[in-house]
């Protein structure tokens, strides 16, 4: 029997942390139904809602334990430094529900050589009105150096969008 379980990951903020967490969840065959990431200075909170059975519940507890490292020395958690006047962008993603999307997009963003910092992330699933198909929605707000353009972001993110047919909108704020 499956049940809806909310999990919280609290850690010091570090580059690539969200990508590592979502990769571990994805590789454990757990599908995130809704999620929200917020950060402030050196703190990172990522809330997930997943349908878990007894086995996947134990797996998720192990994942939470793996990423609860708040007592580690702060110098291990180097934040990306944005030099100059930063720019903000909103990224909106819509697609038929697929477990890999959060991991794939956060992996691309954290791996880009542009000093991108994910400011917020929210995801959820809606039901399409005519077909009843589950539609995955994700909104990401990022901070980049001033020289990063919308076209550069779109070109990098289209690696996933083109492969899967994902609707992607990138807007500067």
N, C-alpha and C. Protein backbone atom coordinates (compact mmCIF):
# COMPACT_ATOMS: atom_id res chain seq x y z
N UNK A 1 0.84 -1.18 0.00
CA UNK A 1 0.00 0.00 0.00
C UNK A 1 0.88 1.24 0.00
N UNK A 2 0.59 2.18 -0.88
CA UNK A 2 1.36 3.41 -0.97
C UNK A 2 0.66 4.53 -0.23
N UNK A 3 1.46 5.48 0.24
CA UNK A 3 0.88 6.66 0.89
C UNK A 3 1.72 7.88 0.55
N UNK A 4 1.10 9.04 0.63
CA UNK A 4 1.78 10.29 0.36
C UNK A 4 2.68 10.64 1.54
N UNK A 5 3.95 10.86 1.26
CA UNK A 5 4.91 11.16 2.31
C UNK A 5 5.63 12.46 1.97
N UNK A 6 5.68 13.36 2.95
CA UNK A 6 6.43 14.61 2.79
C UNK A 6 7.79 14.43 3.45
N UNK A 7 8.83 14.83 2.75
CA UNK A 7 10.20 14.73 3.28
C UNK A 7 10.86 16.08 3.19
N UNK A 8 11.74 16.36 4.13
CA UNK A 8 12.47 17.62 4.15
C UNK A 8 13.97 17.33 4.17
N UNK A 9 14.70 18.01 3.30
CA UNK A 9 16.15 17.94 3.29
C UNK A 9 16.65 19.30 3.74
N UNK A 10 17.37 19.33 4.85
CA UNK A 10 17.92 20.58 5.36
C UNK A 10 19.42 20.42 5.41
N UNK A 11 20.12 21.37 4.83
CA UNK A 11 21.56 21.26 4.72
C UNK A 11 22.14 22.65 4.55
N UNK A 12 23.44 22.74 4.59
CA UNK A 12 24.09 23.99 4.20
C UNK A 12 24.04 24.09 2.69
N UNK A 13 23.85 25.28 2.15
CA UNK A 13 23.75 25.46 0.73
C UNK A 13 25.11 25.20 0.07
N UNK A 14 25.10 24.46 -1.01
CA UNK A 14 26.33 24.23 -1.77
C UNK A 14 25.98 24.00 -3.23
N UNK A 15 26.92 24.32 -4.10
CA UNK A 15 26.72 24.17 -5.53
C UNK A 15 26.48 22.69 -5.86
N UNK A 16 25.43 22.40 -6.61
CA UNK A 16 25.13 21.05 -7.06
C UNK A 16 24.38 20.18 -6.07
N UNK A 17 24.06 20.69 -4.88
CA UNK A 17 23.40 19.89 -3.85
C UNK A 17 22.03 19.40 -4.32
N UNK A 18 21.21 20.28 -4.89
CA UNK A 18 19.88 19.90 -5.35
C UNK A 18 19.99 18.82 -6.43
N UNK A 19 20.94 18.96 -7.32
CA UNK A 19 21.14 17.97 -8.37
C UNK A 19 21.51 16.61 -7.79
N UNK A 20 22.36 16.59 -6.78
CA UNK A 20 22.76 15.32 -6.16
C UNK A 20 21.58 14.67 -5.44
N UNK A 21 20.78 15.46 -4.73
CA UNK A 21 19.62 14.90 -4.03
C UNK A 21 18.62 14.32 -5.02
N UNK A 22 18.27 15.09 -6.05
CA UNK A 22 17.26 14.62 -7.01
C UNK A 22 17.78 13.43 -7.82
N UNK A 23 19.08 13.38 -8.08
CA UNK A 23 19.66 12.23 -8.78
C UNK A 23 19.50 10.97 -7.93
N UNK A 24 19.79 11.08 -6.64
CA UNK A 24 19.67 9.93 -5.74
C UNK A 24 18.22 9.46 -5.66
N UNK A 25 17.28 10.40 -5.57
CA UNK A 25 15.86 10.03 -5.53
C UNK A 25 15.46 9.36 -6.84
N UNK A 26 15.85 9.93 -7.97
CA UNK A 26 15.51 9.37 -9.28
C UNK A 26 16.10 7.97 -9.44
N UNK A 27 17.36 7.79 -9.08
CA UNK A 27 18.02 6.49 -9.22
C UNK A 27 17.42 5.45 -8.27
N UNK A 28 16.70 5.89 -7.26
CA UNK A 28 16.01 4.98 -6.33
C UNK A 28 14.58 4.67 -6.79
N UNK A 29 14.25 5.09 -8.01
CA UNK A 29 12.92 4.85 -8.60
C UNK A 29 11.78 5.45 -7.78
N UNK A 30 12.04 6.61 -7.19
CA UNK A 30 11.01 7.34 -6.45
C UNK A 30 10.62 8.55 -7.28
N UNK A 31 9.33 8.73 -7.50
CA UNK A 31 8.83 9.84 -8.30
C UNK A 31 8.37 10.97 -7.37
N UNK A 32 8.93 12.15 -7.57
CA UNK A 32 8.54 13.33 -6.79
C UNK A 32 7.27 13.91 -7.40
N UNK A 33 6.21 13.98 -6.62
CA UNK A 33 4.94 14.55 -7.10
C UNK A 33 4.94 16.06 -7.01
N UNK A 34 5.45 16.59 -5.91
CA UNK A 34 5.56 18.04 -5.70
C UNK A 34 6.86 18.29 -4.95
N UNK A 35 7.41 19.46 -5.19
CA UNK A 35 8.63 19.81 -4.45
C UNK A 35 8.76 21.32 -4.36
N UNK A 36 9.54 21.75 -3.40
CA UNK A 36 9.83 23.17 -3.24
C UNK A 36 11.21 23.30 -2.61
N UNK A 37 12.04 24.16 -3.17
CA UNK A 37 13.36 24.42 -2.64
C UNK A 37 13.47 25.89 -2.31
N UNK A 38 13.94 26.18 -1.13
CA UNK A 38 14.21 27.57 -0.75
C UNK A 38 15.57 27.61 -0.09
N UNK A 39 16.19 28.75 -0.13
CA UNK A 39 17.49 28.90 0.51
C UNK A 39 17.60 30.30 1.06
N UNK A 40 18.46 30.42 2.03
CA UNK A 40 18.80 31.74 2.54
C UNK A 40 20.25 31.66 2.99
N UNK A 41 21.04 32.55 2.48
CA UNK A 41 22.47 32.57 2.78
C UNK A 41 23.07 31.18 2.68
N UNK A 42 23.39 30.55 3.81
CA UNK A 42 24.04 29.24 3.78
C UNK A 42 23.10 28.08 4.04
N UNK A 43 21.80 28.32 4.18
CA UNK A 43 20.87 27.24 4.48
C UNK A 43 20.05 26.87 3.26
N UNK A 44 19.77 25.59 3.15
CA UNK A 44 19.06 25.02 2.02
C UNK A 44 17.96 24.12 2.57
N UNK A 45 16.73 24.31 2.13
CA UNK A 45 15.62 23.44 2.52
C UNK A 45 14.93 22.97 1.25
N UNK A 46 14.78 21.67 1.11
CA UNK A 46 14.11 21.08 -0.05
C UNK A 46 13.03 20.15 0.47
N UNK A 47 11.78 20.46 0.15
CA UNK A 47 10.62 19.68 0.59
C UNK A 47 10.10 18.89 -0.60
N UNK A 48 9.86 17.59 -0.38
CA UNK A 48 9.30 16.76 -1.44
C UNK A 48 8.04 16.08 -0.95
N UNK A 49 7.16 15.77 -1.89
CA UNK A 49 5.99 14.93 -1.64
C UNK A 49 6.04 13.78 -2.63
N UNK A 50 6.08 12.56 -2.13
CA UNK A 50 6.18 11.37 -2.97
C UNK A 50 5.20 10.32 -2.49
N UNK A 51 4.75 9.46 -3.41
CA UNK A 51 3.96 8.29 -3.05
C UNK A 51 4.96 7.18 -2.76
N UNK A 52 4.95 6.68 -1.52
CA UNK A 52 5.93 5.67 -1.11
C UNK A 52 5.25 4.44 -0.54
N UNK A 53 5.76 3.26 -0.91
CA UNK A 53 5.36 2.03 -0.23
C UNK A 53 6.37 1.78 0.88
N UNK A 54 6.24 0.65 1.58
CA UNK A 54 7.11 0.39 2.72
C UNK A 54 8.59 0.37 2.31
N UNK A 55 8.91 -0.27 1.19
CA UNK A 55 10.30 -0.36 0.73
C UNK A 55 10.85 1.02 0.35
N UNK A 56 10.08 1.76 -0.47
CA UNK A 56 10.59 3.07 -0.91
C UNK A 56 10.61 4.07 0.25
N UNK A 57 9.77 3.87 1.26
CA UNK A 57 9.82 4.73 2.45
C UNK A 57 11.16 4.54 3.17
N UNK A 58 11.61 3.29 3.31
CA UNK A 58 12.91 3.02 3.92
C UNK A 58 14.04 3.61 3.08
N UNK A 59 13.91 3.50 1.76
CA UNK A 59 14.92 4.07 0.85
C UNK A 59 14.99 5.58 1.02
N UNK A 60 13.82 6.24 1.08
CA UNK A 60 13.79 7.70 1.24
C UNK A 60 14.40 8.11 2.57
N UNK A 61 14.13 7.35 3.63
CA UNK A 61 14.76 7.66 4.92
C UNK A 61 16.28 7.60 4.82
N UNK A 62 16.80 6.63 4.07
CA UNK A 62 18.24 6.53 3.86
C UNK A 62 18.78 7.72 3.08
N UNK A 63 18.02 8.19 2.09
CA UNK A 63 18.44 9.35 1.29
C UNK A 63 18.47 10.60 2.17
N UNK A 64 17.45 10.77 2.99
CA UNK A 64 17.42 11.92 3.90
C UNK A 64 18.62 11.87 4.83
N UNK A 65 18.92 10.69 5.40
CA UNK A 65 20.08 10.54 6.27
C UNK A 65 21.39 10.87 5.58
N UNK A 66 21.47 10.50 4.31
CA UNK A 66 22.70 10.76 3.53
C UNK A 66 22.95 12.25 3.36
N UNK A 67 21.89 13.02 3.18
CA UNK A 67 22.05 14.45 2.90
C UNK A 67 21.83 15.34 4.11
N UNK A 68 21.65 14.77 5.28
CA UNK A 68 21.56 15.60 6.49
C UNK A 68 22.97 15.72 7.05
N UNK A 69 23.67 16.76 6.62
CA UNK A 69 25.06 16.96 7.01
C UNK A 69 25.25 18.34 7.61
N UNK A 70 24.24 18.84 8.27
CA UNK A 70 24.27 20.23 8.74
C UNK A 70 25.36 20.50 9.76
N UNK A 71 25.83 19.47 10.43
CA UNK A 71 26.85 19.69 11.45
C UNK A 71 28.27 19.69 10.90
N UNK A 72 28.43 19.56 9.59
CA UNK A 72 29.77 19.56 8.98
C UNK A 72 30.35 20.97 8.99
N UNK A 73 31.67 21.11 8.92
CA UNK A 73 32.28 22.45 8.88
C UNK A 73 31.80 23.23 7.66
N UNK A 74 31.54 24.52 7.85
CA UNK A 74 30.95 25.33 6.78
C UNK A 74 31.87 25.48 5.58
N UNK A 75 33.18 25.28 5.72
CA UNK A 75 34.05 25.45 4.57
C UNK A 75 33.88 24.31 3.55
N UNK A 76 33.16 23.24 3.91
CA UNK A 76 32.88 22.17 2.96
C UNK A 76 31.73 22.54 2.02
N UNK A 77 31.02 23.58 2.35
CA UNK A 77 29.83 23.96 1.60
C UNK A 77 30.06 25.28 0.88
N UNK A 78 30.92 25.25 -0.09
CA UNK A 78 31.25 26.48 -0.83
C UNK A 78 30.08 26.86 -1.73
N UNK A 79 29.60 28.05 -1.56
CA UNK A 79 28.54 28.60 -2.38
C UNK A 79 29.14 29.16 -3.66
N UNK A 80 28.42 29.09 -4.77
CA UNK A 80 28.88 29.73 -5.99
C UNK A 80 28.87 31.24 -5.77
N UNK A 81 29.92 31.88 -6.15
CA UNK A 81 30.01 33.33 -6.02
C UNK A 81 29.68 33.97 -7.37
N UNK A 82 28.70 34.83 -7.39
CA UNK A 82 28.33 35.57 -8.59
C UNK A 82 29.06 36.91 -8.54
N UNK A 83 29.91 37.15 -9.52
CA UNK A 83 30.68 38.38 -9.55
C UNK A 83 29.95 39.43 -10.38
N UNK A 84 30.06 40.69 -9.99
CA UNK A 84 29.39 41.78 -10.70
C UNK A 84 27.92 41.84 -10.35
N UNK A 85 27.16 42.56 -11.18
CA UNK A 85 25.72 42.67 -10.97
C UNK A 85 25.03 41.41 -11.48
N UNK A 86 24.38 40.66 -10.59
CA UNK A 86 23.73 39.42 -11.04
C UNK A 86 22.45 39.69 -11.81
N UNK A 87 22.06 38.72 -12.64
CA UNK A 87 20.79 38.73 -13.35
C UNK A 87 19.94 37.61 -12.80
N UNK A 88 18.63 37.79 -12.86
CA UNK A 88 17.71 36.73 -12.45
C UNK A 88 16.91 36.29 -13.66
N UNK A 89 16.62 35.00 -13.69
CA UNK A 89 15.80 34.42 -14.75
C UNK A 89 14.76 33.50 -14.11
N UNK A 90 13.59 33.44 -14.73
CA UNK A 90 12.58 32.43 -14.41
C UNK A 90 12.61 31.39 -15.50
N UNK A 91 12.56 30.13 -15.11
CA UNK A 91 12.49 29.03 -16.05
C UNK A 91 11.22 28.27 -15.75
N UNK A 92 10.33 28.14 -16.75
CA UNK A 92 9.08 27.40 -16.60
C UNK A 92 9.14 26.17 -17.49
N UNK A 93 8.78 25.02 -16.93
CA UNK A 93 8.86 23.75 -17.64
C UNK A 93 7.53 23.03 -17.47
N UNK A 94 6.99 22.51 -18.59
CA UNK A 94 5.75 21.72 -18.56
C UNK A 94 5.96 20.49 -19.43
N UNK A 95 5.46 19.36 -18.92
CA UNK A 95 5.63 18.12 -19.65
C UNK A 95 4.74 17.06 -19.02
N UNK A 96 4.40 16.02 -19.79
CA UNK A 96 3.72 14.87 -19.20
C UNK A 96 4.64 14.34 -18.11
N UNK A 97 4.09 13.95 -16.99
CA UNK A 97 4.89 13.57 -15.82
C UNK A 97 5.95 12.54 -16.16
N UNK A 98 7.18 12.81 -15.73
CA UNK A 98 8.32 11.92 -15.94
C UNK A 98 9.26 12.07 -14.75
N UNK A 99 9.68 10.97 -14.12
CA UNK A 99 10.47 11.07 -12.90
C UNK A 99 11.83 11.72 -13.05
N UNK A 100 12.35 11.82 -14.26
CA UNK A 100 13.72 12.31 -14.42
C UNK A 100 13.85 13.82 -14.55
N UNK A 101 12.76 14.55 -14.68
CA UNK A 101 12.85 15.96 -15.07
C UNK A 101 13.56 16.84 -14.05
N UNK A 102 13.23 16.75 -12.78
CA UNK A 102 13.87 17.62 -11.78
C UNK A 102 15.36 17.36 -11.76
N UNK A 103 15.73 16.09 -11.71
CA UNK A 103 17.15 15.75 -11.69
C UNK A 103 17.87 16.26 -12.94
N UNK A 104 17.30 16.03 -14.11
CA UNK A 104 17.98 16.40 -15.36
C UNK A 104 18.20 17.92 -15.46
N UNK A 105 17.17 18.69 -15.15
CA UNK A 105 17.33 20.15 -15.26
C UNK A 105 18.26 20.71 -14.20
N UNK A 106 18.19 20.22 -12.97
CA UNK A 106 19.12 20.73 -11.95
C UNK A 106 20.55 20.29 -12.26
N UNK A 107 20.72 19.11 -12.86
CA UNK A 107 22.06 18.65 -13.26
C UNK A 107 22.64 19.58 -14.33
N UNK A 108 21.84 19.91 -15.32
CA UNK A 108 22.31 20.82 -16.38
C UNK A 108 22.68 22.18 -15.80
N UNK A 109 21.79 22.75 -14.97
CA UNK A 109 22.05 24.07 -14.40
C UNK A 109 23.29 24.08 -13.51
N UNK A 110 23.47 23.05 -12.69
CA UNK A 110 24.63 23.05 -11.79
C UNK A 110 25.92 22.72 -12.54
N UNK A 111 25.81 22.09 -13.70
CA UNK A 111 27.00 21.73 -14.47
C UNK A 111 27.45 22.78 -15.47
N UNK A 112 26.65 23.80 -15.70
CA UNK A 112 27.01 24.83 -16.67
C UNK A 112 28.15 25.68 -16.12
N UNK A 113 29.05 26.06 -16.98
CA UNK A 113 30.19 26.89 -16.57
C UNK A 113 29.83 28.37 -16.57
N UNK A 114 28.71 28.69 -15.95
CA UNK A 114 28.23 30.08 -15.94
C UNK A 114 28.00 30.60 -14.53
N UNK A 115 28.42 29.89 -13.50
CA UNK A 115 28.19 30.30 -12.11
C UNK A 115 26.72 30.55 -11.83
N UNK A 116 25.89 29.60 -12.19
CA UNK A 116 24.45 29.71 -11.97
C UNK A 116 24.11 29.22 -10.57
N UNK A 117 23.27 29.98 -9.89
CA UNK A 117 22.79 29.58 -8.57
C UNK A 117 21.28 29.46 -8.62
N UNK A 118 20.76 28.30 -8.19
CA UNK A 118 19.31 28.11 -8.13
C UNK A 118 18.80 28.79 -6.88
N UNK A 119 17.95 29.78 -7.07
CA UNK A 119 17.39 30.56 -5.96
C UNK A 119 16.17 29.86 -5.36
N UNK A 120 15.23 29.46 -6.22
CA UNK A 120 14.04 28.73 -5.77
C UNK A 120 13.67 27.71 -6.83
N UNK A 121 12.97 26.68 -6.39
CA UNK A 121 12.45 25.65 -7.30
C UNK A 121 11.12 25.18 -6.72
N UNK A 122 10.12 25.10 -7.57
CA UNK A 122 8.82 24.56 -7.19
C UNK A 122 8.36 23.64 -8.29
N UNK A 123 7.83 22.49 -7.92
CA UNK A 123 7.30 21.58 -8.92
C UNK A 123 6.01 20.97 -8.41
N UNK A 124 5.20 20.54 -9.35
CA UNK A 124 3.94 19.91 -9.00
C UNK A 124 3.32 19.24 -10.21
N UNK A 125 2.24 18.54 -9.98
CA UNK A 125 1.55 17.83 -11.05
C UNK A 125 0.11 18.32 -11.10
N UNK A 126 -0.33 18.66 -12.31
CA UNK A 126 -1.72 19.02 -12.56
C UNK A 126 -2.33 17.98 -13.49
N UNK A 127 -3.63 17.98 -13.60
CA UNK A 127 -4.31 17.07 -14.52
C UNK A 127 -4.84 17.89 -15.69
N UNK A 128 -4.50 17.48 -16.90
CA UNK A 128 -4.97 18.18 -18.10
C UNK A 128 -6.49 18.06 -18.17
N UNK A 129 -7.19 19.18 -18.43
CA UNK A 129 -8.66 19.19 -18.36
C UNK A 129 -9.36 18.28 -19.37
N UNK A 130 -8.87 18.17 -20.58
CA UNK A 130 -9.57 17.39 -21.60
C UNK A 130 -9.16 15.91 -21.59
N UNK A 131 -7.89 15.64 -21.36
CA UNK A 131 -7.39 14.27 -21.50
C UNK A 131 -7.22 13.54 -20.17
N UNK A 132 -7.10 14.28 -19.07
CA UNK A 132 -6.87 13.66 -17.79
C UNK A 132 -5.43 13.20 -17.58
N UNK A 133 -4.54 13.57 -18.49
CA UNK A 133 -3.12 13.19 -18.40
C UNK A 133 -2.46 14.06 -17.32
N UNK A 134 -1.55 13.45 -16.56
CA UNK A 134 -0.79 14.21 -15.56
C UNK A 134 0.23 15.10 -16.26
N UNK A 135 0.21 16.38 -15.91
CA UNK A 135 1.14 17.36 -16.48
C UNK A 135 2.07 17.83 -15.36
N UNK A 136 3.35 17.68 -15.58
CA UNK A 136 4.37 18.10 -14.62
C UNK A 136 4.70 19.56 -14.88
N UNK A 137 4.69 20.38 -13.82
CA UNK A 137 5.05 21.80 -13.92
C UNK A 137 6.22 22.06 -12.98
N UNK A 138 7.20 22.80 -13.47
CA UNK A 138 8.32 23.18 -12.60
C UNK A 138 8.69 24.62 -12.90
N UNK A 139 8.88 25.39 -11.83
CA UNK A 139 9.31 26.77 -11.94
C UNK A 139 10.62 26.90 -11.16
N UNK A 140 11.63 27.41 -11.83
CA UNK A 140 12.94 27.59 -11.22
C UNK A 140 13.33 29.06 -11.38
N UNK A 141 13.80 29.66 -10.31
CA UNK A 141 14.36 31.01 -10.40
C UNK A 141 15.86 30.88 -10.15
N UNK A 142 16.64 31.43 -11.07
CA UNK A 142 18.10 31.33 -10.95
C UNK A 142 18.73 32.71 -10.95
N UNK A 143 19.94 32.77 -10.41
CA UNK A 143 20.76 33.98 -10.43
C UNK A 143 22.00 33.65 -11.24
N UNK A 144 22.36 34.53 -12.16
CA UNK A 144 23.53 34.32 -13.01
C UNK A 144 24.37 35.59 -13.05
N UNK A 145 25.61 35.48 -13.52
CA UNK A 145 26.38 36.70 -13.78
C UNK A 145 25.67 37.53 -14.86
N UNK A 146 25.96 38.80 -14.89
CA UNK A 146 25.29 39.74 -15.80
C UNK A 146 25.49 39.40 -17.28
N UNK A 147 26.58 38.71 -17.62
CA UNK A 147 26.86 38.45 -19.03
C UNK A 147 26.13 37.23 -19.60
N UNK A 148 25.39 36.49 -18.79
CA UNK A 148 24.65 35.32 -19.27
C UNK A 148 23.38 35.79 -19.98
N UNK A 149 23.13 35.24 -21.17
CA UNK A 149 21.97 35.64 -21.96
C UNK A 149 20.88 34.58 -21.90
N UNK A 150 19.68 34.99 -22.25
CA UNK A 150 18.56 34.06 -22.33
C UNK A 150 18.86 32.97 -23.35
N UNK A 151 19.43 33.34 -24.49
CA UNK A 151 19.75 32.36 -25.53
C UNK A 151 20.74 31.30 -25.04
N UNK A 152 21.74 31.69 -24.26
CA UNK A 152 22.69 30.72 -23.72
C UNK A 152 21.99 29.71 -22.82
N UNK A 153 21.10 30.22 -21.95
CA UNK A 153 20.37 29.32 -21.06
C UNK A 153 19.49 28.37 -21.85
N UNK A 154 18.74 28.90 -22.81
CA UNK A 154 17.83 28.08 -23.61
C UNK A 154 18.63 27.01 -24.37
N UNK A 155 19.75 27.39 -24.98
CA UNK A 155 20.55 26.42 -25.73
C UNK A 155 21.03 25.28 -24.84
N UNK A 156 21.46 25.57 -23.63
CA UNK A 156 21.92 24.53 -22.71
C UNK A 156 20.76 23.66 -22.22
N UNK A 157 19.63 24.28 -21.90
CA UNK A 157 18.49 23.52 -21.38
C UNK A 157 17.77 22.74 -22.47
N UNK A 158 17.92 23.15 -23.72
CA UNK A 158 17.26 22.44 -24.82
C UNK A 158 17.84 21.05 -25.05
N UNK A 159 18.99 20.75 -24.46
CA UNK A 159 19.52 19.39 -24.55
C UNK A 159 18.47 18.40 -24.04
N UNK A 160 17.80 18.76 -22.95
CA UNK A 160 16.75 17.90 -22.39
C UNK A 160 15.42 18.18 -23.09
N UNK A 161 15.09 19.44 -23.26
CA UNK A 161 13.79 19.82 -23.82
C UNK A 161 13.57 19.22 -25.20
N UNK A 162 14.60 19.27 -26.06
CA UNK A 162 14.47 18.73 -27.41
C UNK A 162 14.33 17.20 -27.39
N UNK A 163 15.08 16.55 -26.50
CA UNK A 163 15.04 15.08 -26.41
C UNK A 163 13.67 14.59 -25.96
N UNK A 164 13.05 15.29 -25.02
CA UNK A 164 11.79 14.83 -24.44
C UNK A 164 10.56 15.55 -24.96
N UNK A 165 10.73 16.65 -25.68
CA UNK A 165 9.59 17.41 -26.15
C UNK A 165 8.96 18.25 -25.05
N UNK A 166 9.78 18.74 -24.15
CA UNK A 166 9.33 19.52 -23.00
C UNK A 166 9.06 20.96 -23.42
N UNK A 167 7.98 21.55 -22.88
CA UNK A 167 7.72 22.96 -23.11
C UNK A 167 8.58 23.76 -22.13
N UNK A 168 9.47 24.60 -22.67
CA UNK A 168 10.43 25.35 -21.87
C UNK A 168 10.31 26.84 -22.18
N UNK A 169 10.19 27.64 -21.13
CA UNK A 169 10.17 29.11 -21.28
C UNK A 169 11.20 29.69 -20.32
N UNK A 170 12.13 30.49 -20.85
CA UNK A 170 13.14 31.17 -20.02
C UNK A 170 12.91 32.66 -20.19
N UNK A 171 12.72 33.36 -19.03
CA UNK A 171 12.46 34.79 -19.08
C UNK A 171 13.39 35.50 -18.10
N UNK A 172 14.04 36.60 -18.54
CA UNK A 172 14.80 37.41 -17.59
C UNK A 172 13.83 38.19 -16.71
N UNK A 173 14.22 38.44 -15.47
CA UNK A 173 13.37 39.23 -14.57
C UNK A 173 13.81 40.68 -14.56
